[in-house]
Amino acid sequence: MSHMSVVSDVPTVVVPESVRFRAACPDCRERFELAAGALRLAVGASRRTTFYSFTCPRCGAAVRKPAGERIVELLTGGGVRTLRLHTGLRA
């Protein structure tokens, strides 16, 4: 049987708090900048399971967006907390 589990928190790069990322909310359509600490990145085994997430500072919506290779590179390089996900077998 296959189960999705979190392997570990990947160490993040220490960066100045001034590093900001542009984002937009699909619910309220607000555009804003977020500090690395406001974002989370999950890297899965495929493109379908690799995404970043944040909470919209305007409307409070939980936002989840796909993250391709370039986005993963930018977010990890900018100090965003990253979780590596994998599928594992349980006996």
PDB file of N, CA and C in Angstrom:
ATOM      1  N   MET A   1       0.842  -1.160   0.000  1.00  0.00           N
ATOM      2  CA  MET A   1       0.000   0.000   0.000  1.00  0.00           C
ATOM      3  C   MET A   1       0.894   1.232   0.000  1.00  0.00           C
ATOM      4  N   SER A   2       0.576   2.226  -0.788  1.00  0.00           N
ATOM      5  CA  SER A   2       1.384   3.433  -0.917  1.00  0.00           C
ATOM      6  C   SER A   2       0.773   4.554  -0.074  1.00  0.00           C
ATOM      7  N   HIS A   3       1.631   5.271   0.663  1.00  0.00           N
ATOM      8  CA  HIS A   3       1.180   6.379   1.496  1.00  0.00           C
ATOM      9  C   HIS A   3       2.063   7.583   1.222  1.00  0.00           C
ATOM     10  N   MET A   4       1.483   8.772   1.261  1.00  0.00           N
ATOM     11  CA  MET A   4       2.242  10.003   1.114  1.00  0.00           C
ATOM     12  C   MET A   4       2.719  10.399   2.501  1.00  0.00           C
ATOM     13  N   SER A   5       3.995  10.736   2.631  1.00  0.00           N
ATOM     14  CA  SER A   5       4.507  11.151   3.924  1.00  0.00           C
ATOM     15  C   SER A   5       5.555  12.239   3.752  1.00  0.00           C
ATOM     16  N   VAL A   6       5.779  12.975   4.814  1.00  0.00           N
ATOM     17  CA  VAL A   6       6.798  14.016   4.811  1.00  0.00           C
ATOM     18  C   VAL A   6       8.100  13.375   5.247  1.00  0.00           C
ATOM     19  N   VAL A   7       9.140  13.526   4.428  1.00  0.00           N
ATOM     20  CA  VAL A   7      10.439  12.959   4.768  1.00  0.00           C
ATOM     21  C   VAL A   7      11.115  13.825   5.818  1.00  0.00           C
ATOM     22  N   SER A   8      11.289  15.095   5.518  1.00  0.00           N
ATOM     23  CA  SER A   8      11.965  15.980   6.451  1.00  0.00           C
ATOM     24  C   SER A   8      11.828  17.415   5.994  1.00  0.00           C
ATOM     25  N   ASP A   9      12.076  18.314   6.923  1.00  0.00           N
ATOM     26  CA  ASP A   9      12.202  19.715   6.564  1.00  0.00           C
ATOM     27  C   ASP A   9      13.585  19.878   5.952  1.00  0.00           C
ATOM     28  N   VAL A  10      13.676  20.451   4.801  1.00  0.00           N
ATOM     29  CA  VAL A  10      14.958  20.700   4.158  1.00  0.00           C
ATOM     30  C   VAL A  10      15.511  21.983   4.759  1.00  0.00           C
ATOM     31  N   PRO A  11      16.780  22.011   5.146  1.00  0.00           N
ATOM     32  CA  PRO A  11      17.342  23.239   5.701  1.00  0.00           C
ATOM     33  C   PRO A  11      17.171  24.393   4.714  1.00  0.00           C
ATOM     34  N   THR A  12      16.811  25.548   5.235  1.00  0.00           N
ATOM     35  CA  THR A  12      16.626  26.709   4.371  1.00  0.00           C
ATOM     36  C   THR A  12      17.851  27.602   4.430  1.00  0.00           C
ATOM     37  N   VAL A  13      18.015  28.385   3.424  1.00  0.00           N
ATOM     38  CA  VAL A  13      19.119  29.333   3.338  1.00  0.00           C
ATOM     39  C   VAL A  13      18.746  30.554   4.169  1.00  0.00           C
ATOM     40  N   VAL A  14      19.667  31.055   4.965  1.00  0.00           N
ATOM     41  CA  VAL A  14      19.408  32.264   5.734  1.00  0.00           C
ATOM     42  C   VAL A  14      19.569  33.457   4.797  1.00  0.00           C
ATOM     43  N   VAL A  15      18.488  34.215   4.651  1.00  0.00           N
ATOM     44  CA  VAL A  15      18.490  35.380   3.770  1.00  0.00           C
ATOM     45  C   VAL A  15      17.926  36.572   4.533  1.00  0.00           C
ATOM     46  N   PRO A  16      18.241  37.783   4.081  1.00  0.00           N
ATOM     47  CA  PRO A  16      17.692  38.963   4.751  1.00  0.00           C
ATOM     48  C   PRO A  16      16.168  38.974   4.645  1.00  0.00           C
ATOM     49  N   GLU A  17      15.515  39.531   5.658  1.00  0.00           N
ATOM     50  CA  GLU A  17      14.049  39.632   5.653  1.00  0.00           C
ATOM     51  C   GLU A  17      13.573  40.509   4.490  1.00  0.00           C
ATOM     52  N   SER A  18      14.473  41.278   3.900  1.00  0.00           N
ATOM     53  CA  SER A  18      14.091  42.150   2.799  1.00  0.00           C
ATOM     54  C   SER A  18      13.802  41.390   1.505  1.00  0.00           C
ATOM     55  N   VAL A  19      14.124  40.083   1.453  1.00  0.00           N
ATOM     56  CA  VAL A  19      13.796  39.286   0.266  1.00  0.00           C
ATOM     57  C   VAL A  19      12.287  39.140   0.215  1.00  0.00           C
ATOM     58  N   ARG A  20      11.694  39.559  -0.899  1.00  0.00           N
ATOM     59  CA  ARG A  20      10.241  39.539  -1.051  1.00  0.00           C
ATOM     60  C   ARG A  20       9.889  38.834  -2.359  1.00  0.00           C
ATOM     61  N   PHE A  21       8.716  38.224  -2.385  1.00  0.00           N
ATOM     62  CA  PHE A  21       8.224  37.532  -3.568  1.00  0.00           C
ATOM     63  C   PHE A  21       6.884  38.125  -3.963  1.00  0.00           C
ATOM     64  N   ARG A  22       6.699  38.370  -5.250  1.00  0.00           N
ATOM     65  CA  ARG A  22       5.417  38.871  -5.750  1.00  0.00           C
ATOM     66  C   ARG A  22       4.438  37.712  -5.844  1.00  0.00           C
ATOM     67  N   ALA A  23       3.211  37.979  -5.445  1.00  0.00           N
ATOM     68  CA  ALA A  23       2.175  36.954  -5.493  1.00  0.00           C
ATOM     69  C   ALA A  23       0.836  37.623  -5.764  1.00  0.00           C
ATOM     70  N   ALA A  24      -0.161  36.800  -6.067  1.00  0.00           N
ATOM     71  CA  ALA A  24      -1.513  37.300  -6.304  1.00  0.00           C
ATOM     72  C   ALA A  24      -2.508  36.271  -5.783  1.00  0.00           C
ATOM     73  N   CYS A  25      -3.639  36.770  -5.328  1.00  0.00           N
ATOM     74  CA  CYS A  25      -4.693  35.897  -4.812  1.00  0.00           C
ATOM     75  C   CYS A  25      -5.715  35.637  -5.913  1.00  0.00           C
ATOM     76  N   PRO A  26      -6.004  34.379  -6.219  1.00  0.00           N
ATOM     77  CA  PRO A  26      -7.004  34.082  -7.242  1.00  0.00           C
ATOM     78  C   PRO A  26      -8.435  34.381  -6.779  1.00  0.00           C
ATOM     79  N   ASP A  27      -8.649  34.485  -5.463  1.00  0.00           N
ATOM     80  CA  ASP A  27      -9.994  34.767  -4.947  1.00  0.00           C
ATOM     81  C   ASP A  27     -10.349  36.249  -5.043  1.00  0.00           C
ATOM     82  N   CYS A  28      -9.521  37.094  -4.429  1.00  0.00           N
ATOM     83  CA  CYS A  28      -9.836  38.531  -4.411  1.00  0.00           C
ATOM     84  C   CYS A  28      -9.077  39.325  -5.474  1.00  0.00           C
ATOM     85  N   ARG A  29      -8.170  38.663  -6.178  1.00  0.00           N
ATOM     86  CA  ARG A  29      -7.368  39.259  -7.245  1.00  0.00           C
ATOM     87  C   ARG A  29      -6.381  40.338  -6.782  1.00  0.00           C
ATOM     88  N   GLU A  30      -6.157  40.404  -5.487  1.00  0.00           N
ATOM     89  CA  GLU A  30      -5.181  41.349  -4.940  1.00  0.00           C
ATOM     90  C   GLU A  30      -3.768  40.906  -5.304  1.00  0.00           C
ATOM     91  N   ARG A  31      -2.885  41.870  -5.602  1.00  0.00           N
ATOM     92  CA  ARG A  31      -1.469  41.603  -5.860  1.00  0.00           C
ATOM     93  C   ARG A  31      -0.678  42.208  -4.708  1.00  0.00           C
ATOM     94  N   PHE A  32       0.379  41.508  -4.279  1.00  0.00           N
ATOM     95  CA  PHE A  32       1.140  41.942  -3.121  1.00  0.00           C
ATOM     96  C   PHE A  32       2.509  41.292  -3.132  1.00  0.00           C
ATOM     97  N   GLU A  33       3.342  41.659  -2.180  1.00  0.00           N
ATOM     98  CA  GLU A  33       4.647  41.038  -1.977  1.00  0.00           C
ATOM     99  C   GLU A  33       4.640  40.351  -0.630  1.00  0.00           C
ATOM    100  N   LEU A  34       5.280  39.177  -0.574  1.00  0.00           N
ATOM    101  CA  LEU A  34       5.356  38.397   0.660  1.00  0.00           C
ATOM    102  C   LEU A  34       6.816  38.122   1.017  1.00  0.00           C
ATOM    103  N   ALA A  35       7.103  38.129   2.293  1.00  0.00           N
ATOM    104  CA  ALA A  35       8.425  37.723   2.771  1.00  0.00           C
ATOM    105  C   ALA A  35       8.524  36.207   2.676  1.00  0.00           C
ATOM    106  N   ALA A  36       9.738  35.687   2.653  1.00  0.00           N
ATOM    107  CA  ALA A  36       9.960  34.243   2.552  1.00  0.00           C
ATOM    108  C   ALA A  36       9.219  33.480   3.642  1.00  0.00           C
ATOM    109  N   GLY A  37       9.124  34.040   4.833  1.00  0.00           N
ATOM    110  CA  GLY A  37       8.462  33.375   5.944  1.00  0.00           C
ATOM    111  C   GLY A  37       6.960  33.199   5.762  1.00  0.00           C
ATOM    112  N   ALA A  38       6.361  33.920   4.828  1.00  0.00           N
ATOM    113  CA  ALA A  38       4.914  33.828   4.590  1.00  0.00           C
ATOM    114  C   ALA A  38       4.564  32.748   3.567  1.00  0.00           C
ATOM    115  N   LEU A  39       5.576  32.148   2.953  1.00  0.00           N
ATOM    116  CA  LEU A  39       5.368  31.128   1.922  1.00  0.00           C
ATOM    117  C   LEU A  39       5.836  29.766   2.408  1.00  0.00           C
ATOM    118  N   ARG A  40       5.241  28.722   1.858  1.00  0.00           N
ATOM    119  CA  ARG A  40       5.681  27.342   2.092  1.00  0.00           C
ATOM    120  C   ARG A  40       5.788  26.667   0.744  1.00  0.00           C
ATOM    121  N   LEU A  41       6.787  25.825   0.583  1.00  0.00           N
ATOM    122  CA  LEU A  41       7.005  25.089  -0.661  1.00  0.00           C
ATOM    123  C   LEU A  41       6.999  23.604  -0.348  1.00  0.00           C
ATOM    124  N   ALA A  42       6.232  22.846  -1.104  1.00  0.00           N
ATOM    125  CA  ALA A  42       6.214  21.383  -0.977  1.00  0.00           C
ATOM    126  C   ALA A  42       6.707  20.807  -2.294  1.00  0.00           C
ATOM    127  N   VAL A  43       7.766  19.991  -2.227  1.00  0.00           N
ATOM    128  CA  VAL A  43       8.347  19.380  -3.419  1.00  0.00           C
ATOM    129  C   VAL A  43       8.002  17.900  -3.406  1.00  0.00           C
ATOM    130  N   GLY A  44       7.176  17.499  -4.362  1.00  0.00           N
ATOM    131  CA  GLY A  44       6.739  16.114  -4.451  1.00  0.00           C
ATOM    132  C   GLY A  44       7.476  15.355  -5.534  1.00  0.00           C
ATOM    133  N   ALA A  45       7.009  14.156  -5.792  1.00  0.00           N
ATOM    134  CA  ALA A  45       7.642  13.276  -6.774  1.00  0.00           C
ATOM    135  C   ALA A  45       7.319  13.678  -8.212  1.00  0.00           C
ATOM    136  N   SER A  46       6.329  14.553  -8.401  1.00  0.00           N
ATOM    137  CA  SER A  46       5.952  14.962  -9.755  1.00  0.00           C
ATOM    138  C   SER A  46       5.565  16.434  -9.766  1.00  0.00           C
ATOM    139  N   ARG A  47       5.320  16.955 -10.966  1.00  0.00           N
ATOM    140  CA  ARG A  47       4.878  18.346 -11.071  1.00  0.00           C
ATOM    141  C   ARG A  47       3.512  18.546 -10.427  1.00  0.00           C
ATOM    142  N   ARG A  48       2.687  17.512 -10.433  1.00  0.00           N
ATOM    143  CA  ARG A  48       1.354  17.616  -9.834  1.00  0.00           C
ATOM    144  C   ARG A  48       1.405  17.727  -8.317  1.00  0.00           C
ATOM    145  N   THR A  49       2.484  17.253  -7.718  1.00  0.00           N
ATOM    146  CA  THR A  49       2.589  17.272  -6.257  1.00  0.00           C
ATOM    147  C   THR A  49       3.634  18.264  -5.751  1.00  0.00           C
ATOM    148  N   THR A  50       4.070  19.176  -6.608  1.00  0.00           N
ATOM    149  CA  THR A  50       5.008  20.221  -6.209  1.00  0.00           C
ATOM    150  C   THR A  50       4.276  21.557  -6.294  1.00  0.00           C
ATOM    151  N   PHE A  51       4.214  22.260  -5.160  1.00  0.00           N
ATOM    152  CA  PHE A  51       3.428  23.491  -5.109  1.00  0.00           C
ATOM    153  C   PHE A  51       3.953  24.405  -4.012  1.00  0.00           C
ATOM    154  N   TYR A  52       3.530  25.678  -4.075  1.00  0.00           N
ATOM    155  CA  TYR A  52       3.799  26.593  -2.979  1.00  0.00           C
ATOM    156  C   TYR A  52       2.461  27.105  -2.470  1.00  0.00           C
ATOM    157  N   SER A  53       2.469  27.557  -1.234  1.00  0.00           N
ATOM    158  CA  SER A  53       1.219  28.019  -0.644  1.00  0.00           C
ATOM    159  C   SER A  53       1.469  29.219   0.259  1.00  0.00           C
ATOM    160  N   PHE A  54       0.399  29.983   0.476  1.00  0.00           N
ATOM    161  CA  PHE A  54       0.430  31.143   1.349  1.00  0.00           C
ATOM    162  C   PHE A  54      -1.003  31.520   1.699  1.00  0.00           C
ATOM    163  N   THR A  55      -1.147  32.405   2.657  1.00  0.00           N
ATOM    164  CA  THR A  55      -2.451  32.942   3.013  1.00  0.00           C
ATOM    165  C   THR A  55      -2.519  34.367   2.491  1.00  0.00           C
ATOM    166  N   CYS A  56      -3.598  34.680   1.781  1.00  0.00           N
ATOM    167  CA  CYS A  56      -3.752  36.031   1.234  1.00  0.00           C
ATOM    168  C   CYS A  56      -3.855  37.029   2.386  1.00  0.00           C
ATOM    169  N   PRO A  57      -2.993  38.060   2.383  1.00  0.00           N
ATOM    170  CA  PRO A  57      -3.041  39.037   3.465  1.00  0.00           C
ATOM    171  C   PRO A  57      -4.287  39.922   3.419  1.00  0.00           C
ATOM    172  N   ARG A  58      -4.970  39.967   2.284  1.00  0.00           N
ATOM    173  CA  ARG A  58      -6.163  40.821   2.157  1.00  0.00           C
ATOM    174  C   ARG A  58      -7.432  40.094   2.577  1.00  0.00           C
ATOM    175  N   CYS A  59      -7.677  38.914   1.973  1.00  0.00           N
ATOM    176  CA  CYS A  59      -8.955  38.233   2.224  1.00  0.00           C
ATOM    177  C   CYS A  59      -8.824  36.996   3.099  1.00  0.00           C
ATOM    178  N   GLY A  60      -7.599  36.556   3.393  1.00  0.00           N
ATOM    179  CA  GLY A  60      -7.397  35.410   4.268  1.00  0.00           C
ATOM    180  C   GLY A  60      -7.545  34.051   3.596  1.00  0.00           C
ATOM    181  N   ALA A  61      -7.698  34.032   2.267  1.00  0.00           N
ATOM    182  CA  ALA A  61      -7.845  32.763   1.551  1.00  0.00           C
ATOM    183  C   ALA A  61      -6.547  31.965   1.595  1.00  0.00           C
ATOM    184  N   ALA A  62      -6.679  30.650   1.737  1.00  0.00           N
ATOM    185  CA  ALA A  62      -5.528  29.753   1.634  1.00  0.00           C
ATOM    186  C   ALA A  62      -5.288  29.525   0.150  1.00  0.00           C
ATOM    187  N   VAL A  63      -4.103  29.892  -0.332  1.00  0.00           N
ATOM    188  CA  VAL A  63      -3.780  29.813  -1.751  1.00  0.00           C
ATOM    189  C   VAL A  63      -2.724  28.744  -1.966  1.00  0.00           C
ATOM    190  N   ARG A  64      -2.936  27.915  -2.978  1.00  0.00           N
ATOM    191  CA  ARG A  64      -1.984  26.856  -3.348  1.00  0.00           C
ATOM    192  C   ARG A  64      -1.800  26.930  -4.858  1.00  0.00           C
ATOM    193  N   LYS A  65      -0.533  27.063  -5.288  1.00  0.00           N
ATOM    194  CA  LYS A  65      -0.232  27.192  -6.715  1.00  0.00           C
ATOM    195  C   LYS A  65       0.859  26.204  -7.110  1.00  0.00           C
ATOM    196  N   PRO A  66       0.802  25.694  -8.343  1.00  0.00           N
ATOM    197  CA  PRO A  66       1.845  24.773  -8.803  1.00  0.00           C
ATOM    198  C   PRO A  66       3.200  25.483  -8.874  1.00  0.00           C
ATOM    199  N   ALA A  67       4.263  24.712  -8.662  1.00  0.00           N
ATOM    200  CA  ALA A  67       5.613  25.278  -8.709  1.00  0.00           C
ATOM    201  C   ALA A  67       6.477  24.446  -9.649  1.00  0.00           C
ATOM    202  N   GLY A  68       6.836  25.045 -10.768  1.00  0.00           N
ATOM    203  CA  GLY A  68       7.751  24.398 -11.699  1.00  0.00           C
ATOM    204  C   GLY A  68       9.186  24.531 -11.199  1.00  0.00           C
ATOM    205  N   GLU A  69      10.113  24.009 -11.983  1.00  0.00           N
ATOM    206  CA  GLU A  69      11.521  23.998 -11.579  1.00  0.00           C
ATOM    207  C   GLU A  69      12.060  25.388 -11.251  1.00  0.00           C
ATOM    208  N   ARG A  70      11.744  26.366 -12.069  1.00  0.00           N
ATOM    209  CA  ARG A  70      12.263  27.726 -11.853  1.00  0.00           C
ATOM    210  C   ARG A  70      11.709  28.329 -10.564  1.00  0.00           C
ATOM    211  N   ILE A  71      10.419  28.140 -10.308  1.00  0.00           N
ATOM    212  CA  ILE A  71       9.815  28.652  -9.080  1.00  0.00           C
ATOM    213  C   ILE A  71      10.448  27.981  -7.865  1.00  0.00           C
ATOM    214  N   VAL A  72      10.650  26.661  -7.929  1.00  0.00           N
ATOM    215  CA  VAL A  72      11.292  25.931  -6.834  1.00  0.00           C
ATOM    216  C   VAL A  72      12.681  26.513  -6.574  1.00  0.00           C
ATOM    217  N   GLU A  73      13.420  26.747  -7.625  1.00  0.00           N
ATOM    218  CA  GLU A  73      14.773  27.307  -7.510  1.00  0.00           C
ATOM    219  C   GLU A  73      14.749  28.690  -6.848  1.00  0.00           C
ATOM    220  N   LEU A  74      13.839  29.549  -7.298  1.00  0.00           N
ATOM    221  CA  LEU A  74      13.748  30.902  -6.743  1.00  0.00           C
ATOM    222  C   LEU A  74      13.327  30.885  -5.277  1.00  0.00           C
ATOM    223  N   LEU A  75      12.329  30.081  -4.951  1.00  0.00           N
ATOM    224  CA  LEU A  75      11.832  30.050  -3.577  1.00  0.00           C
ATOM    225  C   LEU A  75      12.850  29.445  -2.612  1.00  0.00           C
ATOM    226  N   THR A  76      13.487  28.345  -2.996  1.00  0.00           N
ATOM    227  CA  THR A  76      14.480  27.749  -2.101  1.00  0.00           C
ATOM    228  C   THR A  76      15.690  28.664  -1.945  1.00  0.00           C
ATOM    229  N   GLY A  77      16.106  29.303  -3.029  1.00  0.00           N
ATOM    230  CA  GLY A  77      17.218  30.243  -2.968  1.00  0.00           C
ATOM    231  C   GLY A  77      16.901  31.473  -2.142  1.00  0.00           C
ATOM    232  N   GLY A  78      15.614  31.800  -2.035  1.00  0.00           N
ATOM    233  CA  GLY A  78      15.181  32.962  -1.265  1.00  0.00           C
ATOM    234  C   GLY A  78      14.848  32.650   0.178  1.00  0.00           C
ATOM    235  N   GLY A  79      15.078  31.404   0.594  1.00  0.00           N
ATOM    236  CA  GLY A  79      14.884  31.068   1.997  1.00  0.00           C
ATOM    237  C   GLY A  79      13.500  30.593   2.390  1.00  0.00           C
ATOM    238  N   VAL A  80      12.658  30.243   1.428  1.00  0.00           N
ATOM    239  CA  VAL A  80      11.319  29.749   1.752  1.00  0.00           C
ATOM    240  C   VAL A  80      11.420  28.356   2.363  1.00  0.00           C
ATOM    241  N   ARG A  81      10.689  28.132   3.444  1.00  0.00           N
ATOM    242  CA  ARG A  81      10.684  26.826   4.111  1.00  0.00           C
ATOM    243  C   ARG A  81      10.155  25.774   3.142  1.00  0.00           C
ATOM    244  N   THR A  82      10.892  24.675   3.018  1.00  0.00           N
ATOM    245  CA  THR A  82      10.587  23.654   2.024  1.00  0.00           C
ATOM    246  C   THR A  82      10.400  22.284   2.655  1.00  0.00           C
ATOM    247  N   LEU A  83       9.352  21.598   2.234  1.00  0.00           N
ATOM    248  CA  LEU A  83       9.111  20.225   2.651  1.00  0.00           C
ATOM    249  C   LEU A  83       9.299  19.332   1.448  1.00  0.00           C
ATOM    250  N   ARG A  84      10.007  18.248   1.614  1.00  0.00           N
ATOM    251  CA  ARG A  84      10.155  17.247   0.545  1.00  0.00           C
ATOM    252  C   ARG A  84       9.173  16.126   0.850  1.00  0.00           C
ATOM    253  N   LEU A  85       8.324  15.808  -0.110  1.00  0.00           N
ATOM    254  CA  LEU A  85       7.330  14.754   0.046  1.00  0.00           C
ATOM    255  C   LEU A  85       7.757  13.554  -0.786  1.00  0.00           C
ATOM    256  N   HIS A  86       7.408  12.364  -0.346  1.00  0.00           N
ATOM    257  CA  HIS A  86       7.695  11.177  -1.141  1.00  0.00           C
ATOM    258  C   HIS A  86       6.640  10.129  -0.848  1.00  0.00           C
ATOM    259  N   THR A  87       6.512   9.172  -1.737  1.00  0.00           N
ATOM    260  CA  THR A  87       5.615   8.061  -1.481  1.00  0.00           C
ATOM    261  C   THR A  87       6.445   6.923  -0.930  1.00  0.00           C
ATOM    262  N   GLY A  88       5.954   6.312   0.084  1.00  0.00           N
ATOM    263  CA  GLY A  88       6.672   5.208   0.706  1.00  0.00           C
ATOM    264  C   GLY A  88       5.742   4.019   0.859  1.00  0.00           C
ATOM    265  N   LEU A  89       6.321   2.864   0.928  1.00  0.00           N
ATOM    266  CA  LEU A  89       5.533   1.649   1.108  1.00  0.00           C
ATOM    267  C   LEU A  89       5.541   1.236   2.566  1.00  0.00           C
ATOM    268  N   ARG A  90       4.404   0.811   3.043  1.00  0.00           N
ATOM    269  CA  ARG A  90       4.303   0.296   4.405  1.00  0.00           C
ATOM    270  C   ARG A  90       3.954  -1.170   4.352  1.00  0.00           C
ATOM    271  N   ALA A  91       4.570  -1.910   5.194  1.00  0.00           N
ATOM    272  CA  ALA A  91       4.310  -3.356   5.225  1.00  0.00           C
ATOM    273  C   ALA A  91       3.111  -3.657   6.075  1.00  0.00           C
TER     274      ALA A  91
END
